[in-house]
Amino acid sequence: MSSRESTFGWSSTPGRWGTLQLLGNELSIQFRRWRTWAMLGALALIPLLLGVAIRFFGGSDPGRGPAFLDQITGNGLFVGLAALTVAIPLFLPLTVSVTAGDALAGEASHGTLRYLLIAPAGRMRLLLVKYLSAAVFCAAATLTVVAVGSIVGAVLFPIGPVTLLSGAQVSIGEGLWRLLAIGVYVSISLIGLSAIGLFLSTLTTVPIGAMAATAILAVAAQIVGAIPQLDALHPWLFTDRWLDFGDLLRSPIVWDSFAANALLQAGYVVVFGAAAVARFATKDVLS
């Protein structure tokens, strides 16, 4: 057993079960870090601050502030939706950039990457495990905002049937189900950024560089997406459909945006995943 195995719990078990064990160990390491919980805590503050501000200082006028903000006083379930619209442009991408950018560059900077590869885990299996771990964090980060928003909304505001964008009303249970579906939509929206961050993490041994580059790309893509003169580029941007979850609030649900977003993110995963594989397969981990 290598020093990295004994210290960090990585196993040399071959095959599918070995990969699952590696993933379980990697997730255990990730969610034992103070940094991970600090980022999740910061995300949880977004719905908390929104709810407290509206509860004690009054609601927002229609059309002012983030989407759904003016509906919170009438139904607390909208706290989670409003918090997501606040978190998507910057806060969620920032935390994902930290996690994905640190995936391999962090190991290299601490000198543990070579020990990981001494064990028969294999470079490609290690790369896959690192990416899946980052993808799990995407889901955890998004669902933190949704869950805390739902709890804050239930505590501070009345809860009742949800009025959809199409004007129809659905029960509280269906409203929560749709909120969860939106959380899944946003989680999928971030997996393309995770692939970009993982690729950048293979290029350097300085984690902060990969983190910063990933976050800057997320902001730059959104800036390009806001410039009408560059609309020919918009459908190709990984950020293009980040806020297109409104179709999940219609009756009946329209899944076109969900499918288009998933296809777009899958394209980025394939392209930058392949680039990460090509780079990591030949990366010198001994220098």
C-alpha atoms as a PDB file:
ATOM      1  CA  MET A   1       0.000   0.000   0.000  1.00  0.00           C
ATOM      2  CA  SER A   2       1.394   3.387  -1.006  1.00  0.00           C
ATOM      3  CA  SER A   3       1.666   6.358   1.309  1.00  0.00           C
ATOM      4  CA  ARG A   4      -1.237   8.064  -0.517  1.00  0.00           C
ATOM      5  CA  GLU A   5      -3.377   4.954  -0.042  1.00  0.00           C
ATOM      6  CA  SER A   6      -2.758   4.728   3.663  1.00  0.00           C
ATOM      7  CA  THR A   7      -3.117   8.451   4.265  1.00  0.00           C
ATOM      8  CA  PHE A   8      -6.037   9.261   1.996  1.00  0.00           C
ATOM      9  CA  GLY A   9      -7.805   5.929   1.672  1.00  0.00           C
ATOM     10  CA  TRP A  10      -7.241   5.176  -1.997  1.00  0.00           C
ATOM     11  CA  SER A  11      -7.421   1.509  -2.903  1.00  0.00           C
ATOM     12  CA  SER A  12      -5.740  -0.551  -5.582  1.00  0.00           C
ATOM     13  CA  THR A  13      -8.779  -2.835  -6.046  1.00  0.00           C
ATOM     14  CA  PRO A  14      -9.170  -3.412  -9.792  1.00  0.00           C
ATOM     15  CA  GLY A  15     -12.282  -3.228 -11.932  1.00  0.00           C
ATOM     16  CA  ARG A  16     -15.665  -1.579 -11.468  1.00  0.00           C
ATOM     17  CA  TRP A  17     -15.796  -2.036  -7.723  1.00  0.00           C
ATOM     18  CA  GLY A  18     -12.331  -0.552  -7.434  1.00  0.00           C
ATOM     19  CA  THR A  19     -13.520   2.543  -9.315  1.00  0.00           C
ATOM     20  CA  LEU A  20     -16.556   2.863  -7.064  1.00  0.00           C
ATOM     21  CA  GLN A  21     -14.344   2.503  -4.012  1.00  0.00           C
ATOM     22  CA  LEU A  22     -12.004   5.164  -5.360  1.00  0.00           C
ATOM     23  CA  LEU A  23     -14.965   7.470  -5.957  1.00  0.00           C
ATOM     24  CA  GLY A  24     -16.325   6.812  -2.473  1.00  0.00           C
ATOM     25  CA  ASN A  25     -12.951   7.584  -0.931  1.00  0.00           C
ATOM     26  CA  GLU A  26     -12.552  10.733  -3.017  1.00  0.00           C
ATOM     27  CA  LEU A  27     -16.008  11.962  -2.004  1.00  0.00           C
ATOM     28  CA  SER A  28     -15.208  11.186   1.621  1.00  0.00           C
ATOM     29  CA  ILE A  29     -12.050  13.261   1.366  1.00  0.00           C
ATOM     30  CA  GLN A  30     -13.838  16.107  -0.396  1.00  0.00           C
ATOM     31  CA  PHE A  31     -16.706  16.344   2.071  1.00  0.00           C
ATOM     32  CA  ARG A  32     -14.384  16.172   5.073  1.00  0.00           C
ATOM     33  CA  ARG A  33     -12.622  19.350   3.979  1.00  0.00           C
ATOM     34  CA  TRP A  34     -13.440  22.568   5.776  1.00  0.00           C
ATOM     35  CA  ARG A  35     -13.228  24.352   2.417  1.00  0.00           C
ATOM     36  CA  THR A  36     -16.089  22.300   1.001  1.00  0.00           C
ATOM     37  CA  TRP A  37     -18.358  23.019   3.935  1.00  0.00           C
ATOM     38  CA  ALA A  38     -17.358  26.678   3.928  1.00  0.00           C
ATOM     39  CA  MET A  39     -18.429  26.971   0.288  1.00  0.00           C
ATOM     40  CA  LEU A  40     -21.700  25.134   0.931  1.00  0.00           C
ATOM     41  CA  GLY A  41     -22.265  27.369   3.955  1.00  0.00           C
ATOM     42  CA  ALA A  42     -21.704  30.472   1.837  1.00  0.00           C
ATOM     43  CA  LEU A  43     -24.230  29.204  -0.702  1.00  0.00           C
ATOM     44  CA  ALA A  44     -26.715  28.499   2.095  1.00  0.00           C
ATOM     45  CA  LEU A  45     -26.429  32.138   3.166  1.00  0.00           C
ATOM     46  CA  ILE A  46     -27.920  33.318  -0.128  1.00  0.00           C
ATOM     47  CA  PRO A  47     -31.487  32.066   0.469  1.00  0.00           C
ATOM     48  CA  LEU A  48     -31.163  32.840   4.177  1.00  0.00           C
ATOM     49  CA  LEU A  49     -30.234  36.473   3.559  1.00  0.00           C
ATOM     50  CA  LEU A  50     -32.909  36.830   0.873  1.00  0.00           C
ATOM     51  CA  GLY A  51     -35.592  35.447   3.153  1.00  0.00           C
ATOM     52  CA  VAL A  52     -34.586  37.491   6.202  1.00  0.00           C
ATOM     53  CA  ALA A  53     -34.259  40.704   4.184  1.00  0.00           C
ATOM     54  CA  ILE A  54     -37.720  40.357   2.648  1.00  0.00           C
ATOM     55  CA  ARG A  55     -39.322  39.188   5.900  1.00  0.00           C
ATOM     56  CA  PHE A  56     -38.085  42.138   7.947  1.00  0.00           C
ATOM     57  CA  PHE A  57     -37.640  44.891   5.351  1.00  0.00           C
ATOM     58  CA  GLY A  58     -40.533  44.220   2.989  1.00  0.00           C
ATOM     59  CA  GLY A  59     -41.030  42.582  -0.373  1.00  0.00           C
ATOM     60  CA  SER A  60     -39.861  43.665  -3.791  1.00  0.00           C
ATOM     61  CA  ASP A  61     -41.956  45.475  -6.379  1.00  0.00           C
ATOM     62  CA  PRO A  62     -42.843  43.419  -9.469  1.00  0.00           C
ATOM     63  CA  GLY A  63     -40.089  43.550 -12.067  1.00  0.00           C
ATOM     64  CA  ARG A  64     -37.416  44.734  -9.641  1.00  0.00           C
ATOM     65  CA  GLY A  65     -34.599  42.534  -8.443  1.00  0.00           C
ATOM     66  CA  PRO A  66     -33.960  38.877  -9.332  1.00  0.00           C
ATOM     67  CA  ALA A  67     -36.672  36.741 -10.889  1.00  0.00           C
ATOM     68  CA  PHE A  68     -39.312  35.419  -8.446  1.00  0.00           C
ATOM     69  CA  LEU A  69     -38.205  37.876  -5.723  1.00  0.00           C
ATOM     70  CA  ASP A  70     -41.544  39.706  -5.746  1.00  0.00           C
ATOM     71  CA  GLN A  71     -43.453  36.437  -5.200  1.00  0.00           C
ATOM     72  CA  ILE A  72     -41.721  35.354  -2.012  1.00  0.00           C
ATOM     73  CA  THR A  73     -44.072  37.125   0.412  1.00  0.00           C
ATOM     74  CA  GLY A  74     -47.037  35.286  -1.108  1.00  0.00           C
ATOM     75  CA  ASN A  75     -45.404  31.861  -1.146  1.00  0.00           C
ATOM     76  CA  GLY A  76     -42.196  30.887   0.631  1.00  0.00           C
ATOM     77  CA  LEU A  77     -41.367  28.212  -1.964  1.00  0.00           C
ATOM     78  CA  PHE A  78     -40.135  31.004  -4.216  1.00  0.00           C
ATOM     79  CA  VAL A  79     -37.222  31.714  -1.852  1.00  0.00           C
ATOM     80  CA  GLY A  80     -35.327  28.766  -3.329  1.00  0.00           C
ATOM     81  CA  LEU A  81     -36.071  29.858  -6.912  1.00  0.00           C
ATOM     82  CA  ALA A  82     -35.024  33.454  -6.281  1.00  0.00           C
ATOM     83  CA  ALA A  83     -31.854  32.262  -4.528  1.00  0.00           C
ATOM     84  CA  LEU A  84     -30.954  30.076  -7.517  1.00  0.00           C
ATOM     85  CA  THR A  85     -31.275  33.005  -9.926  1.00  0.00           C
ATOM     86  CA  VAL A  86     -28.923  34.990  -7.668  1.00  0.00           C
ATOM     87  CA  ALA A  87     -26.437  32.137  -7.278  1.00  0.00           C
ATOM     88  CA  ILE A  88     -26.236  30.921 -10.887  1.00  0.00           C
ATOM     89  CA  PRO A  89     -24.317  33.805 -12.508  1.00  0.00           C
ATOM     90  CA  LEU A  90     -21.422  33.972 -10.005  1.00  0.00           C
ATOM     91  CA  PHE A  91     -21.613  32.084  -6.732  1.00  0.00           C
ATOM     92  CA  LEU A  92     -22.310  28.570  -8.027  1.00  0.00           C
ATOM     93  CA  PRO A  93     -19.723  28.834 -10.846  1.00  0.00           C
ATOM     94  CA  LEU A  94     -17.157  30.154  -8.364  1.00  0.00           C
ATOM     95  CA  THR A  95     -17.518  27.197  -6.002  1.00  0.00           C
ATOM     96  CA  VAL A  96     -17.503  24.726  -8.904  1.00  0.00           C
ATOM     97  CA  SER A  97     -14.369  26.410 -10.277  1.00  0.00           C
ATOM     98  CA  VAL A  98     -12.603  25.926  -6.947  1.00  0.00           C
ATOM     99  CA  THR A  99     -13.524  22.243  -6.777  1.00  0.00           C
ATOM    100  CA  ALA A 100     -12.773  21.342 -10.408  1.00  0.00           C
ATOM    101  CA  GLY A 101      -9.681  23.511 -10.696  1.00  0.00           C
ATOM    102  CA  ASP A 102      -8.159  21.928  -7.604  1.00  0.00           C
ATOM    103  CA  ALA A 103      -8.937  18.350  -8.660  1.00  0.00           C
ATOM    104  CA  LEU A 104      -5.521  17.459 -10.117  1.00  0.00           C
ATOM    105  CA  ALA A 105      -3.528  20.657  -9.672  1.00  0.00           C
ATOM    106  CA  GLY A 106      -4.064  20.385  -5.915  1.00  0.00           C
ATOM    107  CA  GLU A 107      -2.678  16.854  -5.852  1.00  0.00           C
ATOM    108  CA  ALA A 108       0.310  17.951  -7.945  1.00  0.00           C
ATOM    109  CA  SER A 109       1.044  20.963  -5.737  1.00  0.00           C
ATOM    110  CA  HIS A 110       1.024  18.791  -2.603  1.00  0.00           C
ATOM    111  CA  GLY A 111       3.217  16.145  -4.226  1.00  0.00           C
ATOM    112  CA  THR A 112       0.594  13.403  -3.862  1.00  0.00           C
ATOM    113  CA  LEU A 113      -0.233  12.953  -7.544  1.00  0.00           C
ATOM    114  CA  ARG A 114       2.742  10.681  -8.185  1.00  0.00           C
ATOM    115  CA  TYR A 115       1.723   8.435  -5.283  1.00  0.00           C
ATOM    116  CA  LEU A 116      -1.805   8.172  -6.670  1.00  0.00           C
ATOM    117  CA  LEU A 117      -0.395   6.953  -9.963  1.00  0.00           C
ATOM    118  CA  ILE A 118       2.043   4.507  -8.381  1.00  0.00           C
ATOM    119  CA  ALA A 119      -0.959   2.502  -7.204  1.00  0.00           C
ATOM    120  CA  PRO A 120      -2.673   0.589 -10.039  1.00  0.00           C
ATOM    121  CA  ALA A 121      -5.541   3.060 -10.153  1.00  0.00           C
ATOM    122  CA  GLY A 122      -4.573   4.201 -13.640  1.00  0.00           C
ATOM    123  CA  ARG A 123      -4.510   7.709 -15.012  1.00  0.00           C
ATOM    124  CA  MET A 124      -7.842   7.494 -16.800  1.00  0.00           C
ATOM    125  CA  ARG A 125      -9.633   6.001 -13.808  1.00  0.00           C
ATOM    126  CA  LEU A 126      -8.175   8.715 -11.581  1.00  0.00           C
ATOM    127  CA  LEU A 127      -9.308  11.373 -14.055  1.00  0.00           C
ATOM    128  CA  LEU A 128     -12.809   9.882 -14.170  1.00  0.00           C
ATOM    129  CA  VAL A 129     -13.059   9.739 -10.381  1.00  0.00           C
ATOM    130  CA  LYS A 130     -11.903  13.349 -10.054  1.00  0.00           C
ATOM    131  CA  TYR A 131     -14.502  14.486 -12.576  1.00  0.00           C
ATOM    132  CA  LEU A 132     -17.333  12.511 -10.976  1.00  0.00           C
ATOM    133  CA  SER A 133     -16.389  13.964  -7.608  1.00  0.00           C
ATOM    134  CA  ALA A 134     -16.606  17.482  -9.060  1.00  0.00           C
ATOM    135  CA  ALA A 135     -19.982  16.623 -10.638  1.00  0.00           C
ATOM    136  CA  VAL A 136     -21.291  15.406  -7.283  1.00  0.00           C
ATOM    137  CA  PHE A 137     -20.240  18.716  -5.771  1.00  0.00           C
ATOM    138  CA  CYS A 138     -22.249  20.516  -8.487  1.00  0.00           C
ATOM    139  CA  ALA A 139     -25.357  18.658  -7.313  1.00  0.00           C
ATOM    140  CA  ALA A 140     -24.570  19.224  -3.627  1.00  0.00           C
ATOM    141  CA  ALA A 141     -24.021  22.947  -4.155  1.00  0.00           C
ATOM    142  CA  THR A 142     -27.246  23.427  -6.125  1.00  0.00           C
ATOM    143  CA  LEU A 143     -29.364  21.327  -3.796  1.00  0.00           C
ATOM    144  CA  THR A 144     -27.970  23.245  -0.814  1.00  0.00           C
ATOM    145  CA  VAL A 145     -29.451  26.440  -2.231  1.00  0.00           C
ATOM    146  CA  VAL A 146     -32.753  24.714  -3.022  1.00  0.00           C
ATOM    147  CA  ALA A 147     -33.073  22.919   0.330  1.00  0.00           C
ATOM    148  CA  VAL A 148     -32.106  25.885   2.496  1.00  0.00           C
ATOM    149  CA  GLY A 149     -34.372  28.132   0.423  1.00  0.00           C
ATOM    150  CA  SER A 150     -37.324  25.786   0.968  1.00  0.00           C
ATOM    151  CA  ILE A 151     -36.701  25.612   4.708  1.00  0.00           C
ATOM    152  CA  VAL A 152     -36.246  29.375   5.074  1.00  0.00           C
ATOM    153  CA  GLY A 153     -39.355  29.995   2.980  1.00  0.00           C
ATOM    154  CA  ALA A 154     -41.431  27.597   5.079  1.00  0.00           C
ATOM    155  CA  VAL A 155     -40.281  29.203   8.334  1.00  0.00           C
ATOM    156  CA  LEU A 156     -40.624  32.866   7.365  1.00  0.00           C
ATOM    157  CA  PHE A 157     -43.499  32.938   4.876  1.00  0.00           C
ATOM    158  CA  PRO A 158     -46.811  31.207   4.161  1.00  0.00           C
ATOM    159  CA  ILE A 159     -46.646  28.104   2.000  1.00  0.00           C
ATOM    160  CA  GLY A 160     -49.394  27.217  -0.426  1.00  0.00           C
ATOM    161  CA  PRO A 161     -50.226  26.121  -3.964  1.00  0.00           C
ATOM    162  CA  VAL A 162     -47.702  27.387  -6.492  1.00  0.00           C
ATOM    163  CA  THR A 163     -48.795  29.606  -9.371  1.00  0.00           C
ATOM    164  CA  LEU A 164     -46.832  28.623 -12.464  1.00  0.00           C
ATOM    165  CA  LEU A 165     -45.606  30.894 -15.252  1.00  0.00           C
ATOM    166  CA  SER A 166     -48.472  29.619 -17.404  1.00  0.00           C
ATOM    167  CA  GLY A 167     -50.979  30.816 -14.783  1.00  0.00           C
ATOM    168  CA  ALA A 168     -52.048  27.385 -13.549  1.00  0.00           C
ATOM    169  CA  GLN A 169     -51.782  26.414  -9.898  1.00  0.00           C
ATOM    170  CA  VAL A 170     -50.234  23.200  -8.600  1.00  0.00           C
ATOM    171  CA  SER A 171     -50.149  21.665  -5.142  1.00  0.00           C
ATOM    172  CA  ILE A 172     -47.337  22.202  -2.648  1.00  0.00           C
ATOM    173  CA  GLY A 173     -46.074  18.688  -3.334  1.00  0.00           C
ATOM    174  CA  GLU A 174     -45.878  19.248  -7.076  1.00  0.00           C
ATOM    175  CA  GLY A 175     -44.331  22.651  -6.488  1.00  0.00           C
ATOM    176  CA  LEU A 176     -41.555  21.026  -4.455  1.00  0.00           C
ATOM    177  CA  TRP A 177     -41.085  18.385  -7.151  1.00  0.00           C
ATOM    178  CA  ARG A 178     -40.710  21.091  -9.793  1.00  0.00           C
ATOM    179  CA  LEU A 179     -38.253  22.958  -7.566  1.00  0.00           C
ATOM    180  CA  LEU A 180     -36.189  19.774  -7.280  1.00  0.00           C
ATOM    181  CA  ALA A 181     -36.330  19.351 -11.076  1.00  0.00           C
ATOM    182  CA  ILE A 182     -34.990  22.889 -11.444  1.00  0.00           C
ATOM    183  CA  GLY A 183     -32.200  21.977  -9.033  1.00  0.00           C
ATOM    184  CA  VAL A 184     -31.319  19.028 -11.277  1.00  0.00           C
ATOM    185  CA  TYR A 185     -31.415  21.351 -14.300  1.00  0.00           C
ATOM    186  CA  VAL A 186     -28.953  23.750 -12.676  1.00  0.00           C
ATOM    187  CA  SER A 187     -26.703  20.877 -11.562  1.00  0.00           C
ATOM    188  CA  ILE A 188     -26.533  19.664 -15.164  1.00  0.00           C
ATOM    189  CA  SER A 189     -25.796  23.225 -16.263  1.00  0.00           C
ATOM    190  CA  LEU A 190     -22.580  23.153 -14.236  1.00  0.00           C
ATOM    191  CA  ILE A 191     -21.095  19.877 -15.430  1.00  0.00           C
ATOM    192  CA  GLY A 192     -19.688  21.507 -18.571  1.00  0.00           C
ATOM    193  CA  LEU A 193     -17.866  24.047 -16.407  1.00  0.00           C
ATOM    194  CA  SER A 194     -16.571  21.168 -14.274  1.00  0.00           C
ATOM    195  CA  ALA A 195     -15.061  19.544 -17.378  1.00  0.00           C
ATOM    196  CA  ILE A 196     -13.379  22.819 -18.320  1.00  0.00           C
ATOM    197  CA  GLY A 197     -12.004  23.179 -14.791  1.00  0.00           C
ATOM    198  CA  LEU A 198     -10.696  19.616 -14.777  1.00  0.00           C
ATOM    199  CA  PHE A 199      -8.895  20.178 -18.085  1.00  0.00           C
ATOM    200  CA  LEU A 200      -7.309  23.386 -16.797  1.00  0.00           C
ATOM    201  CA  SER A 201      -6.315  21.490 -13.657  1.00  0.00           C
ATOM    202  CA  THR A 202      -4.241  19.122 -15.814  1.00  0.00           C
ATOM    203  CA  LEU A 203      -2.241  22.036 -17.225  1.00  0.00           C
ATOM    204  CA  THR A 204      -0.722  23.354 -14.021  1.00  0.00           C
ATOM    205  CA  THR A 205       0.578  22.480 -10.585  1.00  0.00           C
ATOM    206  CA  VAL A 206      -0.769  25.755  -9.171  1.00  0.00           C
ATOM    207  CA  PRO A 207      -4.383  25.161  -8.055  1.00  0.00           C
ATOM    208  CA  ILE A 208      -5.266  28.835  -7.687  1.00  0.00           C
ATOM    209  CA  GLY A 209      -4.363  29.351 -11.352  1.00  0.00           C
ATOM    210  CA  ALA A 210      -6.758  26.641 -12.559  1.00  0.00           C
ATOM    211  CA  MET A 211      -9.477  27.870 -10.199  1.00  0.00           C
ATOM    212  CA  ALA A 212      -9.134  31.491 -11.328  1.00  0.00           C
ATOM    213  CA  ALA A 213      -8.993  30.591 -15.026  1.00  0.00           C
ATOM    214  CA  THR A 214     -12.163  28.483 -14.725  1.00  0.00           C
ATOM    215  CA  ALA A 215     -14.049  31.224 -12.893  1.00  0.00           C
ATOM    216  CA  ILE A 216     -12.879  33.865 -15.374  1.00  0.00           C
ATOM    217  CA  LEU A 217     -14.077  31.738 -18.296  1.00  0.00           C
ATOM    218  CA  ALA A 218     -17.509  31.402 -16.652  1.00  0.00           C
ATOM    219  CA  VAL A 219     -17.784  35.184 -16.263  1.00  0.00           C
ATOM    220  CA  ALA A 220     -16.408  35.851 -19.752  1.00  0.00           C
ATOM    221  CA  ALA A 221     -18.901  33.445 -21.338  1.00  0.00           C
ATOM    222  CA  GLN A 222     -21.767  35.265 -19.628  1.00  0.00           C
ATOM    223  CA  ILE A 223     -20.450  38.634 -20.793  1.00  0.00           C
ATOM    224  CA  VAL A 224     -20.249  37.365 -24.378  1.00  0.00           C
ATOM    225  CA  GLY A 225     -23.769  35.984 -23.973  1.00  0.00           C
ATOM    226  CA  ALA A 226     -25.043  39.445 -23.023  1.00  0.00           C
ATOM    227  CA  ILE A 227     -23.668  41.161 -26.151  1.00  0.00           C
ATOM    228  CA  PRO A 228     -26.303  41.132 -28.938  1.00  0.00           C
ATOM    229  CA  GLN A 229     -23.691  41.669 -31.656  1.00  0.00           C
ATOM    230  CA  LEU A 230     -22.190  38.281 -30.774  1.00  0.00           C
ATOM    231  CA  ASP A 231     -25.467  36.388 -30.892  1.00  0.00           C
ATOM    232  CA  ALA A 232     -24.029  33.911 -33.418  1.00  0.00           C
ATOM    233  CA  LEU A 233     -21.784  32.625 -30.636  1.00  0.00           C
ATOM    234  CA  HIS A 234     -24.482  32.415 -27.976  1.00  0.00           C
ATOM    235  CA  PRO A 235     -25.803  28.895 -28.749  1.00  0.00           C
ATOM    236  CA  TRP A 236     -22.260  27.528 -28.380  1.00  0.00           C
ATOM    237  CA  LEU A 237     -21.590  29.035 -24.956  1.00  0.00           C
ATOM    238  CA  PHE A 238     -21.810  26.628 -22.017  1.00  0.00           C
ATOM    239  CA  THR A 239     -23.619  29.386 -20.105  1.00  0.00           C
ATOM    240  CA  ASP A 240     -26.255  29.978 -22.788  1.00  0.00           C
ATOM    241  CA  ARG A 241     -29.037  27.953 -21.165  1.00  0.00           C
ATOM    242  CA  TRP A 242     -28.157  28.342 -17.504  1.00  0.00           C
ATOM    243  CA  LEU A 243     -31.311  30.344 -16.755  1.00  0.00           C
ATOM    244  CA  ASP A 244     -33.690  28.578 -19.149  1.00  0.00           C
ATOM    245  CA  PHE A 245     -35.410  26.515 -16.469  1.00  0.00           C
ATOM    246  CA  GLY A 246     -38.652  28.481 -16.775  1.00  0.00           C
ATOM    247  CA  ASP A 247     -40.156  25.732 -18.940  1.00  0.00           C
ATOM    248  CA  LEU A 248     -40.245  23.541 -15.826  1.00  0.00           C
ATOM    249  CA  LEU A 249     -42.700  26.035 -14.335  1.00  0.00           C
ATOM    250  CA  ARG A 250     -45.283  25.644 -17.084  1.00  0.00           C
ATOM    251  CA  SER A 251     -48.283  23.365 -17.341  1.00  0.00           C
ATOM    252  CA  PRO A 252     -47.669  20.970 -18.885  1.00  0.00           C
ATOM    253  CA  ILE A 253     -43.903  20.913 -18.424  1.00  0.00           C
ATOM    254  CA  VAL A 254     -41.925  21.608 -21.603  1.00  0.00           C
ATOM    255  CA  TRP A 255     -38.748  19.521 -21.593  1.00  0.00           C
ATOM    256  CA  ASP A 256     -37.124  21.038 -24.690  1.00  0.00           C
ATOM    257  CA  SER A 257     -34.875  23.422 -22.754  1.00  0.00           C
ATOM    258  CA  PHE A 258     -33.875  20.672 -20.323  1.00  0.00           C
ATOM    259  CA  ALA A 259     -32.849  18.378 -23.196  1.00  0.00           C
ATOM    260  CA  ALA A 260     -31.070  21.145 -25.109  1.00  0.00           C
ATOM    261  CA  ASN A 261     -29.130  22.186 -22.008  1.00  0.00           C
ATOM    262  CA  ALA A 262     -28.137  18.590 -21.257  1.00  0.00           C
ATOM    263  CA  LEU A 263     -26.944  18.138 -24.852  1.00  0.00           C
ATOM    264  CA  LEU A 264     -24.941  21.377 -24.729  1.00  0.00           C
ATOM    265  CA  GLN A 265     -23.242  20.436 -21.444  1.00  0.00           C
ATOM    266  CA  ALA A 266     -22.569  16.905 -22.733  1.00  0.00           C
ATOM    267  CA  GLY A 267     -20.751  18.441 -25.697  1.00  0.00           C
ATOM    268  CA  TYR A 268     -18.474  20.384 -23.368  1.00  0.00           C
ATOM    269  CA  VAL A 269     -17.891  17.299 -21.247  1.00  0.00           C
ATOM    270  CA  VAL A 270     -16.866  15.305 -24.323  1.00  0.00           C
ATOM    271  CA  VAL A 271     -14.594  18.013 -25.778  1.00  0.00           C
ATOM    272  CA  PHE A 272     -12.853  19.085 -22.581  1.00  0.00           C
ATOM    273  CA  GLY A 273     -12.912  15.563 -21.174  1.00  0.00           C
ATOM    274  CA  ALA A 274     -11.041  14.378 -24.258  1.00  0.00           C
ATOM    275  CA  ALA A 275      -8.609  17.277 -23.926  1.00  0.00           C
ATOM    276  CA  ALA A 276      -8.026  16.391 -20.271  1.00  0.00           C
ATOM    277  CA  VAL A 277      -7.428  12.745 -21.190  1.00  0.00           C
ATOM    278  CA  ALA A 278      -4.951  13.713 -23.922  1.00  0.00           C
ATOM    279  CA  ARG A 279      -3.084  16.045 -21.575  1.00  0.00           C
ATOM    280  CA  PHE A 280      -3.095  13.821 -18.491  1.00  0.00           C
ATOM    281  CA  ALA A 281      -2.077  10.697 -20.419  1.00  0.00           C
ATOM    282  CA  THR A 282       1.292  12.294 -21.194  1.00  0.00           C
ATOM    283  CA  LYS A 283       1.662  14.521 -18.130  1.00  0.00           C
ATOM    284  CA  ASP A 284       4.988  14.281 -16.335  1.00  0.00           C
ATOM    285  CA  VAL A 285       4.077  13.781 -12.679  1.00  0.00           C
ATOM    286  CA  LEU A 286       7.633  13.193 -11.479  1.00  0.00           C
ATOM    287  CA  SER A 287       9.017  16.685 -12.071  1.00  0.00           C
END
